[in-house]
Amino acid sequence: MEPEVLNGATLAYLGDAVLEIMVREKVIESGVTDVGRLNNMARTFVRATEQSSALNNILEILDEEEMSFFKRGRNTKGNTPKSASAIEYRRATGLEALFAFLYMKGRTERMKFLFETAYKDHFEKILNQ
């Protein structure tokens, strides 16, 4: 299956899972072994508000194709959670679609680079708690 044939919502659905795995790997690298604490740490990464904020760190370095997949996900209509504004939610959905695209294309190095860059500030903040 190619990402070009999927709509933004479907891409965001897959991208949510891709980001979840990347986040879980990252919090496990912290050395924390308590599953409850790991879960609490991971949840802070996948909130729409945090995803929207993380996007600010990579938006300027996305290439044209990556930007088109971000926009495809961002333009998806959905139910905005109470914890985020409509803009934050749409940006988060766009981020998820972007990561689905990278995953489906096998661009793991780019995916890892963008993930690390997007969340660099958050890693330091959450791991120092």
Protein backbone atom coordinates (compact mmCIF):
# COMPACT_ATOMS: atom_id res chain seq x y z
CA MET A 1 0.00 0.00 0.00
CA GLU A 2 1.26 3.44 -0.89
CA PRO A 3 0.67 6.53 1.27
CA GLU A 4 -0.34 8.54 -1.80
CA VAL A 5 -3.64 6.62 -2.02
CA LEU A 6 -4.59 7.09 1.64
CA ASN A 7 -6.59 10.00 2.97
CA GLY A 8 -5.33 12.22 5.77
CA ALA A 9 -7.36 10.54 8.49
CA THR A 10 -6.06 7.08 7.60
CA LEU A 11 -2.50 8.36 7.49
CA ALA A 12 -2.95 10.01 10.89
CA TYR A 13 -4.34 6.75 12.29
CA LEU A 14 -1.21 4.88 11.25
CA GLY A 15 1.08 7.74 12.22
CA ASP A 16 -0.36 7.76 15.72
CA ALA A 17 0.85 4.17 16.15
CA VAL A 18 4.25 4.94 14.61
CA LEU A 19 4.78 7.85 17.00
CA GLU A 20 3.58 5.75 19.94
CA ILE A 21 6.28 3.15 19.27
CA MET A 22 8.97 5.80 18.86
CA VAL A 23 7.90 7.48 22.09
CA ARG A 24 7.85 4.22 24.02
CA GLU A 25 11.33 3.36 22.82
CA LYS A 26 12.54 6.81 23.84
CA VAL A 27 11.13 6.69 27.36
CA ILE A 28 12.51 3.18 27.88
CA GLU A 29 15.95 4.55 26.97
CA SER A 30 15.64 6.78 30.05
CA GLY A 31 16.34 3.77 32.25
CA VAL A 32 13.00 3.97 34.04
CA THR A 33 11.63 0.47 34.58
CA ASP A 34 8.34 1.18 36.34
CA VAL A 35 5.64 0.62 33.71
CA GLY A 36 3.26 3.12 35.30
CA ARG A 37 5.88 5.85 35.20
CA LEU A 38 6.83 4.92 31.64
CA ASN A 39 3.20 5.20 30.61
CA ASN A 40 2.86 8.61 32.26
CA MET A 41 6.02 9.81 30.53
CA ALA A 42 4.85 8.52 27.14
CA ARG A 43 1.44 10.18 27.44
CA THR A 44 3.08 13.59 27.68
CA PHE A 45 4.58 13.14 24.20
CA VAL A 46 1.43 12.12 22.37
CA ARG A 47 -0.94 14.86 23.50
CA ALA A 48 -2.18 17.02 20.65
CA THR A 49 -0.81 20.11 22.39
CA GLU A 50 2.68 18.62 22.67
CA GLN A 51 2.64 17.27 19.12
CA SER A 52 1.65 20.69 17.83
CA SER A 53 4.45 22.29 19.82
CA ALA A 54 7.00 19.70 18.64
CA LEU A 55 6.02 20.43 15.06
CA ASN A 56 7.44 23.95 15.44
CA ASN A 57 10.93 22.44 15.67
CA ILE A 58 10.72 20.72 12.27
CA LEU A 59 8.27 22.65 10.12
CA GLU A 60 11.01 24.72 8.49
CA ILE A 61 13.11 21.66 7.54
CA LEU A 62 10.41 19.56 5.87
CA ASP A 63 10.88 19.02 2.17
CA GLU A 64 8.06 19.61 -0.32
CA GLU A 65 6.80 16.02 -0.27
CA GLU A 66 6.87 15.82 3.53
CA MET A 67 5.02 19.12 3.75
CA SER A 68 2.31 17.85 1.41
CA PHE A 69 1.66 14.84 3.67
CA PHE A 70 1.66 17.05 6.75
CA LYS A 71 -0.93 19.28 5.08
CA ARG A 72 -3.01 16.29 4.02
CA GLY A 73 -3.28 15.19 7.65
CA ARG A 74 -3.69 18.72 8.96
CA ASN A 75 -6.67 19.33 6.72
CA THR A 76 -8.51 16.28 8.05
CA LYS A 77 -11.72 17.07 9.87
CA GLY A 78 -12.15 15.42 13.24
CA ASN A 79 -13.46 15.78 16.75
CA THR A 80 -11.19 18.13 18.65
CA PRO A 81 -10.37 16.91 22.16
CA LYS A 82 -11.15 19.24 25.06
CA SER A 83 -7.46 19.34 25.96
CA ALA A 84 -6.42 21.07 22.69
CA SER A 85 -7.53 23.86 20.42
CA ALA A 86 -8.76 23.05 16.92
CA ILE A 87 -5.50 24.39 15.47
CA GLU A 88 -3.35 22.29 17.82
CA TYR A 89 -5.39 19.19 17.04
CA ARG A 90 -5.13 19.70 13.27
CA ARG A 91 -1.37 20.30 13.48
CA ALA A 92 -0.99 17.14 15.58
CA THR A 93 -2.99 15.17 13.04
CA GLY A 94 -0.72 16.53 10.33
CA LEU A 95 2.36 15.43 12.27
CA GLU A 96 0.92 11.93 12.57
CA ALA A 97 0.21 11.79 8.83
CA LEU A 98 3.79 12.89 8.13
CA PHE A 99 5.19 10.08 10.26
CA ALA A 100 2.91 7.53 8.58
CA PHE A 101 4.22 8.67 5.20
CA LEU A 102 7.85 8.34 6.30
CA TYR A 103 7.17 4.93 7.84
CA MET A 104 5.38 3.62 4.75
CA LYS A 105 8.20 4.83 2.49
CA GLY A 106 10.81 3.14 4.69
CA ARG A 107 12.53 6.43 5.47
CA THR A 108 13.49 5.39 8.97
CA GLU A 109 16.59 7.56 9.28
CA ARG A 110 14.65 10.67 8.29
CA MET A 111 11.83 9.63 10.60
CA LYS A 112 14.23 9.24 13.53
CA PHE A 113 15.93 12.55 12.76
CA LEU A 114 12.64 14.45 12.61
CA PHE A 115 11.39 12.75 15.77
CA GLU A 116 14.54 13.62 17.72
CA THR A 117 14.52 17.17 16.40
CA ALA A 118 10.82 17.71 17.02
CA TYR A 119 10.91 16.51 20.61
CA LYS A 120 14.41 17.60 21.67
CA ASP A 121 13.16 20.13 24.23
CA HIS A 122 10.51 17.77 25.54
CA PHE A 123 13.02 14.93 26.07
CA GLU A 124 15.11 17.09 28.34
CA LYS A 125 12.10 18.40 30.25
CA ILE A 126 10.43 15.03 30.81
CA LEU A 127 13.58 13.07 31.58
CA ASN A 128 14.68 15.59 34.20
CA GLN A 129 11.48 15.22 36.22
